[in-house]
Amino acid sequence: MRSPHALWAAVPVLAFLATPFLPFVNGPHLWFGIPSVLCWCLIWTAGTTVSLALVDRLARPEGDGEDGEPA
């Protein structure tokens, strides 16, 4: 069975797939001086990194540290 923590990785994927259907993103708007679609993608690119780090941290079994000691 897969870890339920892997669902965190689905959040950015769904955000990227929903981009063309979100009217507040897909329009002639500027966020922070750049087009809203570009800003949205930049935010979720960083969110992808955070979610994958979270999945890695939460899905790792206890005692599987990287301290150099054998398991």
PDB file of N, CA and C in Angstrom:
ATOM      1  N   MET A   1       0.846  -1.176   0.000  1.00  0.00           N
ATOM      2  CA  MET A   1       0.000   0.000   0.000  1.00  0.00           C
ATOM      3  C   MET A   1       0.889   1.236   0.000  1.00  0.00           C
ATOM      4  N   ARG A   2       0.501   2.240  -0.741  1.00  0.00           N
ATOM      5  CA  ARG A   2       1.269   3.474  -0.819  1.00  0.00           C
ATOM      6  C   ARG A   2       1.002   4.346   0.391  1.00  0.00           C
ATOM      7  N   SER A   3       1.965   5.160   0.669  1.00  0.00           N
ATOM      8  CA  SER A   3       1.865   6.063   1.802  1.00  0.00           C
ATOM      9  C   SER A   3       0.862   7.181   1.499  1.00  0.00           C
ATOM     10  N   PRO A   4       0.017   7.546   2.461  1.00  0.00           N
ATOM     11  CA  PRO A   4      -0.921   8.654   2.216  1.00  0.00           C
ATOM     12  C   PRO A   4      -0.200   9.991   2.114  1.00  0.00           C
ATOM     13  N   HIS A   5       1.062  10.023   2.521  1.00  0.00           N
ATOM     14  CA  HIS A   5       1.810  11.270   2.411  1.00  0.00           C
ATOM     15  C   HIS A   5       2.086  11.632   0.965  1.00  0.00           C
ATOM     16  N   ALA A   6       2.029  10.672   0.068  1.00  0.00           N
ATOM     17  CA  ALA A   6       2.275  10.927  -1.345  1.00  0.00           C
ATOM     18  C   ALA A   6       1.179  11.806  -1.958  1.00  0.00           C
ATOM     19  N   LEU A   7       0.048  11.936  -1.283  1.00  0.00           N
ATOM     20  CA  LEU A   7      -1.012  12.813  -1.790  1.00  0.00           C
ATOM     21  C   LEU A   7      -0.585  14.276  -1.792  1.00  0.00           C
ATOM     22  N   TRP A   8       0.397  14.624  -0.947  1.00  0.00           N
ATOM     23  CA  TRP A   8       0.902  16.000  -0.953  1.00  0.00           C
ATOM     24  C   TRP A   8       1.491  16.359  -2.309  1.00  0.00           C
ATOM     25  N   ALA A   9       2.026  15.389  -3.016  1.00  0.00           N
ATOM     26  CA  ALA A   9       2.617  15.654  -4.329  1.00  0.00           C
ATOM     27  C   ALA A   9       1.559  15.927  -5.385  1.00  0.00           C
ATOM     28  N   ALA A  10       0.323  15.542  -5.132  1.00  0.00           N
ATOM     29  CA  ALA A  10      -0.750  15.764  -6.107  1.00  0.00           C
ATOM     30  C   ALA A  10      -1.266  17.206  -6.096  1.00  0.00           C
ATOM     31  N   VAL A  11      -1.040  17.927  -5.016  1.00  0.00           N
ATOM     32  CA  VAL A  11      -1.563  19.296  -4.907  1.00  0.00           C
ATOM     33  C   VAL A  11      -0.982  20.216  -5.983  1.00  0.00           C
ATOM     34  N   PRO A  12       0.347  20.283  -6.171  1.00  0.00           N
ATOM     35  CA  PRO A  12       0.859  21.154  -7.228  1.00  0.00           C
ATOM     36  C   PRO A  12       0.469  20.696  -8.630  1.00  0.00           C
ATOM     37  N   VAL A  13       0.365  19.394  -8.813  1.00  0.00           N
ATOM     38  CA  VAL A  13      -0.029  18.884 -10.127  1.00  0.00           C
ATOM     39  C   VAL A  13      -1.446  19.349 -10.466  1.00  0.00           C
ATOM     40  N   LEU A  14      -2.344  19.265  -9.503  1.00  0.00           N
ATOM     41  CA  LEU A  14      -3.707  19.734  -9.727  1.00  0.00           C
ATOM     42  C   LEU A  14      -3.753  21.242  -9.952  1.00  0.00           C
ATOM     43  N   ALA A  15      -2.905  21.979  -9.263  1.00  0.00           N
ATOM     44  CA  ALA A  15      -2.854  23.432  -9.464  1.00  0.00           C
ATOM     45  C   ALA A  15      -2.381  23.767 -10.875  1.00  0.00           C
ATOM     46  N   PHE A  16      -1.368  23.051 -11.362  1.00  0.00           N
ATOM     47  CA  PHE A  16      -0.902  23.279 -12.729  1.00  0.00           C
ATOM     48  C   PHE A  16      -1.972  22.908 -13.754  1.00  0.00           C
ATOM     49  N   LEU A  17      -2.655  21.792 -13.536  1.00  0.00           N
ATOM     50  CA  LEU A  17      -3.680  21.366 -14.487  1.00  0.00           C
ATOM     51  C   LEU A  17      -4.905  22.275 -14.481  1.00  0.00           C
ATOM     52  N   ALA A  18      -5.181  22.915 -13.362  1.00  0.00           N
ATOM     53  CA  ALA A  18      -6.339  23.797 -13.258  1.00  0.00           C
ATOM     54  C   ALA A  18      -6.059  25.197 -13.779  1.00  0.00           C
ATOM     55  N   THR A  19      -4.828  25.523 -14.103  1.00  0.00           N
ATOM     56  CA  THR A  19      -4.453  26.881 -14.502  1.00  0.00           C
ATOM     57  C   THR A  19      -5.316  27.461 -15.617  1.00  0.00           C
ATOM     58  N   PRO A  20      -5.565  26.755 -16.717  1.00  0.00           N
ATOM     59  CA  PRO A  20      -6.363  27.385 -17.788  1.00  0.00           C
ATOM     60  C   PRO A  20      -7.825  27.593 -17.427  1.00  0.00           C
ATOM     61  N   PHE A  21      -8.300  26.926 -16.392  1.00  0.00           N
ATOM     62  CA  PHE A  21      -9.716  27.001 -16.039  1.00  0.00           C
ATOM     63  C   PHE A  21     -10.010  27.989 -14.915  1.00  0.00           C
ATOM     64  N   LEU A  22      -8.984  28.596 -14.337  1.00  0.00           N
ATOM     65  CA  LEU A  22      -9.165  29.532 -13.241  1.00  0.00           C
ATOM     66  C   LEU A  22      -9.191  30.960 -13.790  1.00  0.00           C
ATOM     67  N   PRO A  23     -10.327  31.631 -13.684  1.00  0.00           N
ATOM     68  CA  PRO A  23     -10.430  32.966 -14.300  1.00  0.00           C
ATOM     69  C   PRO A  23      -9.550  34.017 -13.630  1.00  0.00           C
ATOM     70  N   PHE A  24      -9.237  33.863 -12.356  1.00  0.00           N
ATOM     71  CA  PHE A  24      -8.388  34.853 -11.710  1.00  0.00           C
ATOM     72  C   PHE A  24      -6.917  34.678 -12.082  1.00  0.00           C
ATOM     73  N   VAL A  25      -6.583  33.548 -12.699  1.00  0.00           N
ATOM     74  CA  VAL A  25      -5.214  33.318 -13.159  1.00  0.00           C
ATOM     75  C   VAL A  25      -5.109  33.539 -14.659  1.00  0.00           C
ATOM     76  N   ASN A  26      -6.029  32.991 -15.393  1.00  0.00           N
ATOM     77  CA  ASN A  26      -5.978  33.031 -16.846  1.00  0.00           C
ATOM     78  C   ASN A  26      -6.713  34.270 -17.356  1.00  0.00           C
ATOM     79  N   GLY A  27      -6.064  35.397 -17.244  1.00  0.00           N
ATOM     80  CA  GLY A  27      -6.652  36.647 -17.699  1.00  0.00           C
ATOM     81  C   GLY A  27      -5.586  37.709 -17.840  1.00  0.00           C
ATOM     82  N   PRO A  28      -5.982  38.885 -18.271  1.00  0.00           N
ATOM     83  CA  PRO A  28      -4.995  39.958 -18.474  1.00  0.00           C
ATOM     84  C   PRO A  28      -4.676  40.693 -17.173  1.00  0.00           C
ATOM     85  N   HIS A  29      -4.210  39.976 -16.197  1.00  0.00           N
ATOM     86  CA  HIS A  29      -3.918  40.563 -14.885  1.00  0.00           C
ATOM     87  C   HIS A  29      -2.410  40.558 -14.654  1.00  0.00           C
ATOM     88  N   LEU A  30      -1.951  41.482 -13.835  1.00  0.00           N
ATOM     89  CA  LEU A  30      -0.554  41.503 -13.412  1.00  0.00           C
ATOM     90  C   LEU A  30      -0.489  41.243 -11.918  1.00  0.00           C
ATOM     91  N   TRP A  31       0.366  40.328 -11.541  1.00  0.00           N
ATOM     92  CA  TRP A  31       0.653  40.064 -10.133  1.00  0.00           C
ATOM     93  C   TRP A  31       2.135  40.340  -9.946  1.00  0.00           C
ATOM     94  N   PHE A  32       2.457  41.201  -9.022  1.00  0.00           N
ATOM     95  CA  PHE A  32       3.848  41.558  -8.741  1.00  0.00           C
ATOM     96  C   PHE A  32       4.576  42.045  -9.992  1.00  0.00           C
ATOM     97  N   GLY A  33       3.838  42.634 -10.914  1.00  0.00           N
ATOM     98  CA  GLY A  33       4.428  43.197 -12.120  1.00  0.00           C
ATOM     99  C   GLY A  33       4.659  42.222 -13.254  1.00  0.00           C
ATOM    100  N   ILE A  34       4.239  40.973 -13.096  1.00  0.00           N
ATOM    101  CA  ILE A  34       4.383  39.983 -14.160  1.00  0.00           C
ATOM    102  C   ILE A  34       3.004  39.378 -14.441  1.00  0.00           C
ATOM    103  N   PRO A  35       2.814  38.790 -15.615  1.00  0.00           N
ATOM    104  CA  PRO A  35       1.509  38.192 -15.921  1.00  0.00           C
ATOM    105  C   PRO A  35       1.107  37.148 -14.869  1.00  0.00           C
ATOM    106  N   SER A  36      -0.178  37.093 -14.597  1.00  0.00           N
ATOM    107  CA  SER A  36      -0.677  36.238 -13.525  1.00  0.00           C
ATOM    108  C   SER A  36      -0.377  34.761 -13.757  1.00  0.00           C
ATOM    109  N   VAL A  37      -0.427  34.309 -15.007  1.00  0.00           N
ATOM    110  CA  VAL A  37      -0.145  32.893 -15.290  1.00  0.00           C
ATOM    111  C   VAL A  37       1.306  32.569 -14.947  1.00  0.00           C
ATOM    112  N   LEU A  38       2.217  33.462 -15.289  1.00  0.00           N
ATOM    113  CA  LEU A  38       3.627  33.233 -14.983  1.00  0.00           C
ATOM    114  C   LEU A  38       3.854  33.219 -13.477  1.00  0.00           C
ATOM    115  N   CYS A  39       3.244  34.151 -12.774  1.00  0.00           N
ATOM    116  CA  CYS A  39       3.382  34.203 -11.320  1.00  0.00           C
ATOM    117  C   CYS A  39       2.795  32.945 -10.680  1.00  0.00           C
ATOM    118  N   TRP A  40       1.634  32.509 -11.154  1.00  0.00           N
ATOM    119  CA  TRP A  40       0.989  31.289 -10.653  1.00  0.00           C
ATOM    120  C   TRP A  40       1.908  30.083 -10.828  1.00  0.00           C
ATOM    121  N   CYS A  41       2.518  29.970 -11.995  1.00  0.00           N
ATOM    122  CA  CYS A  41       3.407  28.840 -12.259  1.00  0.00           C
ATOM    123  C   CYS A  41       4.676  28.912 -11.417  1.00  0.00           C
ATOM    124  N   LEU A  42       5.191  30.113 -11.182  1.00  0.00           N
ATOM    125  CA  LEU A  42       6.364  30.261 -10.324  1.00  0.00           C
ATOM    126  C   LEU A  42       6.051  29.855  -8.888  1.00  0.00           C
ATOM    127  N   ILE A  43       4.888  30.258  -8.403  1.00  0.00           N
ATOM    128  CA  ILE A  43       4.478  29.898  -7.046  1.00  0.00           C
ATOM    129  C   ILE A  43       4.348  28.388  -6.912  1.00  0.00           C
ATOM    130  N   TRP A  44       3.709  27.750  -7.885  1.00  0.00           N
ATOM    131  CA  TRP A  44       3.502  26.306  -7.783  1.00  0.00           C
ATOM    132  C   TRP A  44       4.750  25.500  -8.118  1.00  0.00           C
ATOM    133  N   THR A  45       5.706  26.099  -8.807  1.00  0.00           N
ATOM    134  CA  THR A  45       7.002  25.433  -8.974  1.00  0.00           C
ATOM    135  C   THR A  45       7.705  25.340  -7.625  1.00  0.00           C
ATOM    136  N   ALA A  46       7.674  26.426  -6.871  1.00  0.00           N
ATOM    137  CA  ALA A  46       8.228  26.392  -5.514  1.00  0.00           C
ATOM    138  C   ALA A  46       7.397  25.455  -4.633  1.00  0.00           C
ATOM    139  N   GLY A  47       6.078  25.451  -4.820  1.00  0.00           N
ATOM    140  CA  GLY A  47       5.206  24.553  -4.064  1.00  0.00           C
ATOM    141  C   GLY A  47       5.483  23.086  -4.357  1.00  0.00           C
ATOM    142  N   THR A  48       5.877  22.783  -5.582  1.00  0.00           N
ATOM    143  CA  THR A  48       6.237  21.418  -5.936  1.00  0.00           C
ATOM    144  C   THR A  48       7.468  20.970  -5.150  1.00  0.00           C
ATOM    145  N   THR A  49       8.443  21.848  -5.050  1.00  0.00           N
ATOM    146  CA  THR A  49       9.648  21.528  -4.299  1.00  0.00           C
ATOM    147  C   THR A  49       9.322  21.282  -2.829  1.00  0.00           C
ATOM    148  N   VAL A  50       8.493  22.141  -2.270  1.00  0.00           N
ATOM    149  CA  VAL A  50       8.107  21.994  -0.867  1.00  0.00           C
ATOM    150  C   VAL A  50       7.321  20.701  -0.648  1.00  0.00           C
ATOM    151  N   SER A  51       6.381  20.407  -1.536  1.00  0.00           N
ATOM    152  CA  SER A  51       5.563  19.206  -1.351  1.00  0.00           C
ATOM    153  C   SER A  51       6.389  17.931  -1.498  1.00  0.00           C
ATOM    154  N   LEU A  52       7.344  17.910  -2.428  1.00  0.00           N
ATOM    155  CA  LEU A  52       8.182  16.723  -2.576  1.00  0.00           C
ATOM    156  C   LEU A  52       9.128  16.559  -1.391  1.00  0.00           C
ATOM    157  N   ALA A  53       9.612  17.660  -0.838  1.00  0.00           N
ATOM    158  CA  ALA A  53      10.435  17.571   0.372  1.00  0.00           C
ATOM    159  C   ALA A  53       9.594  17.059   1.542  1.00  0.00           C
ATOM    160  N   LEU A  54       8.338  17.498   1.614  1.00  0.00           N
ATOM    161  CA  LEU A  54       7.435  17.033   2.668  1.00  0.00           C
ATOM    162  C   LEU A  54       7.150  15.542   2.532  1.00  0.00           C
ATOM    163  N   VAL A  55       6.913  15.093   1.319  1.00  0.00           N
ATOM    164  CA  VAL A  55       6.680  13.662   1.081  1.00  0.00           C
ATOM    165  C   VAL A  55       7.915  12.859   1.461  1.00  0.00           C
ATOM    166  N   ASP A  56       9.088  13.348   1.090  1.00  0.00           N
ATOM    167  CA  ASP A  56      10.320  12.645   1.425  1.00  0.00           C
ATOM    168  C   ASP A  56      10.521  12.567   2.928  1.00  0.00           C
ATOM    169  N   ARG A  57      10.234  13.655   3.624  1.00  0.00           N
ATOM    170  CA  ARG A  57      10.429  13.695   5.078  1.00  0.00           C
ATOM    171  C   ARG A  57       9.415  12.801   5.798  1.00  0.00           C
ATOM    172  N   LEU A  58       8.160  12.830   5.376  1.00  0.00           N
ATOM    173  CA  LEU A  58       7.116  12.082   6.074  1.00  0.00           C
ATOM    174  C   LEU A  58       7.072  10.603   5.701  1.00  0.00           C
ATOM    175  N   ALA A  59       7.492  10.256   4.495  1.00  0.00           N
ATOM    176  CA  ALA A  59       7.398   8.872   4.045  1.00  0.00           C
ATOM    177  C   ALA A  59       8.616   8.044   4.435  1.00  0.00           C
ATOM    178  N   ARG A  60       9.655   8.698   4.917  1.00  0.00           N
ATOM    179  CA  ARG A  60      10.859   7.973   5.305  1.00  0.00           C
ATOM    180  C   ARG A  60      10.604   7.211   6.600  1.00  0.00           C
ATOM    181  N   PRO A  61      10.949   5.930   6.645  1.00  0.00           N
ATOM    182  CA  PRO A  61      10.729   5.155   7.878  1.00  0.00           C
ATOM    183  C   PRO A  61      11.592   5.683   9.022  1.00  0.00           C
ATOM    184  N   GLU A  62      11.130   5.445  10.241  1.00  0.00           N
ATOM    185  CA  GLU A  62      11.877   5.854  11.431  1.00  0.00           C
ATOM    186  C   GLU A  62      13.199   5.102  11.479  1.00  0.00           C
ATOM    187  N   GLY A  63      14.238   5.777  11.907  1.00  0.00           N
ATOM    188  CA  GLY A  63      15.532   5.143  12.001  1.00  0.00           C
ATOM    189  C   GLY A  63      16.314   5.126  10.711  1.00  0.00           C
ATOM    190  N   ASP A  64      15.763   5.718   9.652  1.00  0.00           N
ATOM    191  CA  ASP A  64      16.437   5.766   8.371  1.00  0.00           C
ATOM    192  C   ASP A  64      17.094   7.132   8.198  1.00  0.00           C
ATOM    193  N   GLY A  65      17.882   7.495   9.169  1.00  0.00           N
ATOM    194  CA  GLY A  65      18.540   8.787   9.143  1.00  0.00           C
ATOM    195  C   GLY A  65      19.767   8.763   8.255  1.00  0.00           C
ATOM    196  N   GLU A  66      20.236   9.936   7.936  1.00  0.00           N
ATOM    197  CA  GLU A  66      21.422  10.045   7.099  1.00  0.00           C
ATOM    198  C   GLU A  66      22.617  10.421   7.965  1.00  0.00           C
ATOM    199  N   ASP A  67      22.725   9.842   9.136  1.00  0.00           N
ATOM    200  CA  ASP A  67      23.802  10.183  10.040  1.00  0.00           C
ATOM    201  C   ASP A  67      25.030   9.279   9.854  1.00  0.00           C
ATOM    202  N   GLY A  68      24.983   8.377   8.898  1.00  0.00           N
ATOM    203  CA  GLY A  68      26.122   7.536   8.594  1.00  0.00           C
ATOM    204  C   GLY A  68      26.127   6.209   9.339  1.00  0.00           C
ATOM    205  N   GLU A  69      25.214   6.001  10.260  1.00  0.00           N
ATOM    206  CA  GLU A  69      25.171   4.738  10.980  1.00  0.00           C
ATOM    207  C   GLU A  69      24.403   3.703  10.186  1.00  0.00           C
ATOM    208  N   PRO A  70      24.868   2.467  10.155  1.00  0.00           N
ATOM    209  CA  PRO A  70      24.119   1.431   9.424  1.00  0.00           C
ATOM    210  C   PRO A  70      22.819   1.099  10.139  1.00  0.00           C
ATOM    211  N   ALA A  71      21.835   0.718   9.346  1.00  0.00           N
ATOM    212  CA  ALA A  71      20.524   0.413   9.901  1.00  0.00           C
ATOM    213  C   ALA A  71      20.478  -0.940  10.537  1.00  0.00           C
TER     214      ALA A  71
END
